[in-house]
Amino acid sequence: MSRWGRLAGVAWLALIALQLTWHWALPPPHGAASPYLAAAAIVPLLLPVRGVLRGSLRSMTWAGYLAMLYLVVGVMEAWANPPQRVPALAQVALVAVFVGSVLVFSRLDRQS
């Protein structure tokens, strides 16, 4: 797997770690003080993790679609909830790194 595939895997794992930290160690996002909502934020990220870490382009593509939901939530939280701005922008950055690295990974994979 190329370094772009590895970067995508690291970004995905960091996004999972951020969700765990944000929902259990930091004050939760606005209105999300429920453990069920925390599980709802983490469980979808666990579904494609095996394929993402193996470098499966199909898994990375579907994970990219899923990541767009986290991008939207991150932008909303950063805009509407100033105390949560730092973790929200970290979430946005991790999604951008993931999607960008998957894009480069897919282009390199097509050329091979």
Protein backbone atom coordinates (compact mmCIF):
# COMPACT_ATOMS: atom_id res chain seq x y z
CA MET A 1 0.00 0.00 0.00
CA SER A 2 1.25 3.48 -0.82
CA ARG A 3 1.94 6.18 1.72
CA TRP A 4 -1.33 7.84 0.68
CA GLY A 5 -3.24 4.72 1.63
CA ARG A 6 -1.45 4.62 4.96
CA LEU A 7 -2.21 8.32 5.52
CA ALA A 8 -5.89 7.61 4.83
CA GLY A 9 -5.81 4.81 7.41
CA VAL A 10 -4.14 7.01 10.00
CA ALA A 11 -6.65 9.81 9.39
CA TRP A 12 -9.54 7.35 9.74
CA LEU A 13 -8.18 5.98 13.03
CA ALA A 14 -7.59 9.53 14.26
CA LEU A 15 -11.20 10.39 13.41
CA ILE A 16 -12.34 7.43 15.52
CA ALA A 17 -10.04 8.51 18.37
CA LEU A 18 -11.36 12.07 18.12
CA GLN A 19 -14.95 10.84 18.41
CA LEU A 20 -14.06 8.78 21.48
CA THR A 21 -12.25 11.71 23.06
CA TRP A 22 -14.91 14.25 22.13
CA HIS A 23 -17.81 12.22 23.49
CA TRP A 24 -16.16 10.84 26.63
CA ALA A 25 -13.31 13.11 27.74
CA LEU A 26 -14.30 16.55 26.45
CA PRO A 27 -17.63 18.28 26.85
CA PRO A 28 -19.81 16.61 24.19
CA PRO A 29 -21.06 18.43 21.10
CA HIS A 30 -24.12 20.61 21.60
CA GLY A 31 -27.08 18.50 22.67
CA ALA A 32 -25.16 15.21 22.50
CA ALA A 33 -24.80 14.23 26.14
CA SER A 34 -26.31 10.81 25.48
CA PRO A 35 -24.21 7.63 25.37
CA TYR A 36 -26.49 6.40 22.60
CA LEU A 37 -25.64 9.42 20.49
CA ALA A 38 -21.96 8.87 21.22
CA ALA A 39 -22.30 5.27 20.01
CA ALA A 40 -24.16 6.52 16.94
CA ALA A 41 -21.17 8.75 16.18
CA ILE A 42 -18.57 6.01 16.61
CA VAL A 43 -20.17 2.81 15.28
CA PRO A 44 -20.45 3.97 11.63
CA LEU A 45 -16.73 4.76 11.64
CA LEU A 46 -15.97 1.20 12.70
CA LEU A 47 -17.79 -0.41 9.78
CA PRO A 48 -15.21 0.29 7.01
CA VAL A 49 -12.11 0.32 9.25
CA ARG A 50 -10.85 -3.12 8.17
CA GLY A 51 -11.04 -2.29 4.46
CA VAL A 52 -9.55 1.17 4.96
CA LEU A 53 -6.58 -0.27 6.83
CA ARG A 54 -6.10 -2.95 4.15
CA GLY A 55 -6.11 -0.33 1.41
CA SER A 56 -9.30 -1.44 -0.31
CA LEU A 57 -10.30 1.31 -2.71
CA ARG A 58 -13.95 0.30 -2.48
CA SER A 59 -13.92 0.56 1.33
CA MET A 60 -12.07 3.87 1.17
CA THR A 61 -14.62 5.23 -1.30
CA TRP A 62 -17.56 4.28 0.91
CA ALA A 63 -15.74 5.61 3.95
CA GLY A 64 -15.29 8.88 2.07
CA TYR A 65 -19.05 9.12 1.54
CA LEU A 66 -19.57 8.40 5.23
CA ALA A 67 -16.94 10.97 6.17
CA MET A 68 -19.01 13.71 4.53
CA LEU A 69 -21.52 13.38 7.37
CA TYR A 70 -18.72 14.05 9.85
CA LEU A 71 -17.58 17.01 7.77
CA VAL A 72 -21.07 18.52 7.96
CA VAL A 73 -21.31 17.95 11.72
CA GLY A 74 -17.85 19.44 12.24
CA VAL A 75 -18.66 22.57 10.24
CA MET A 76 -21.99 22.98 12.04
CA GLU A 77 -20.42 22.59 15.47
CA ALA A 78 -17.57 24.97 14.65
CA TRP A 79 -20.03 27.56 13.39
CA ALA A 80 -22.78 27.27 16.00
CA ASN A 81 -20.99 26.18 19.17
CA PRO A 82 -17.84 28.24 19.90
CA PRO A 83 -16.74 26.18 22.94
CA GLN A 84 -16.57 23.14 20.64
CA ARG A 85 -14.73 24.92 17.83
CA VAL A 86 -11.33 23.24 18.31
CA PRO A 87 -12.51 19.60 18.22
CA ALA A 88 -14.99 20.44 15.47
CA LEU A 89 -12.29 21.97 13.27
CA ALA A 90 -10.02 19.02 14.06
CA GLN A 91 -12.80 16.77 12.78
CA VAL A 92 -13.10 18.85 9.61
CA ALA A 93 -9.33 18.69 9.10
CA LEU A 94 -9.22 14.91 9.59
CA VAL A 95 -12.03 14.40 7.08
CA ALA A 96 -10.22 16.65 4.60
CA VAL A 97 -6.96 14.72 5.06
CA PHE A 98 -8.79 11.41 4.67
CA VAL A 99 -10.70 12.40 1.54
CA GLY A 100 -7.66 14.08 -0.02
CA SER A 101 -5.43 11.09 0.60
CA VAL A 102 -8.06 8.70 -0.77
CA LEU A 103 -8.33 10.87 -3.87
CA VAL A 104 -4.58 10.73 -4.47
CA PHE A 105 -4.50 7.02 -3.57
CA SER A 106 -7.22 6.30 -6.13
CA ARG A 107 -5.42 8.24 -8.86
CA LEU A 108 -2.16 6.44 -8.19
CA ASP A 109 -3.97 3.10 -8.05
CA ARG A 110 -5.54 3.76 -11.46
CA GLN A 111 -2.13 4.57 -12.98
CA SER A 112 -0.56 1.33 -11.72
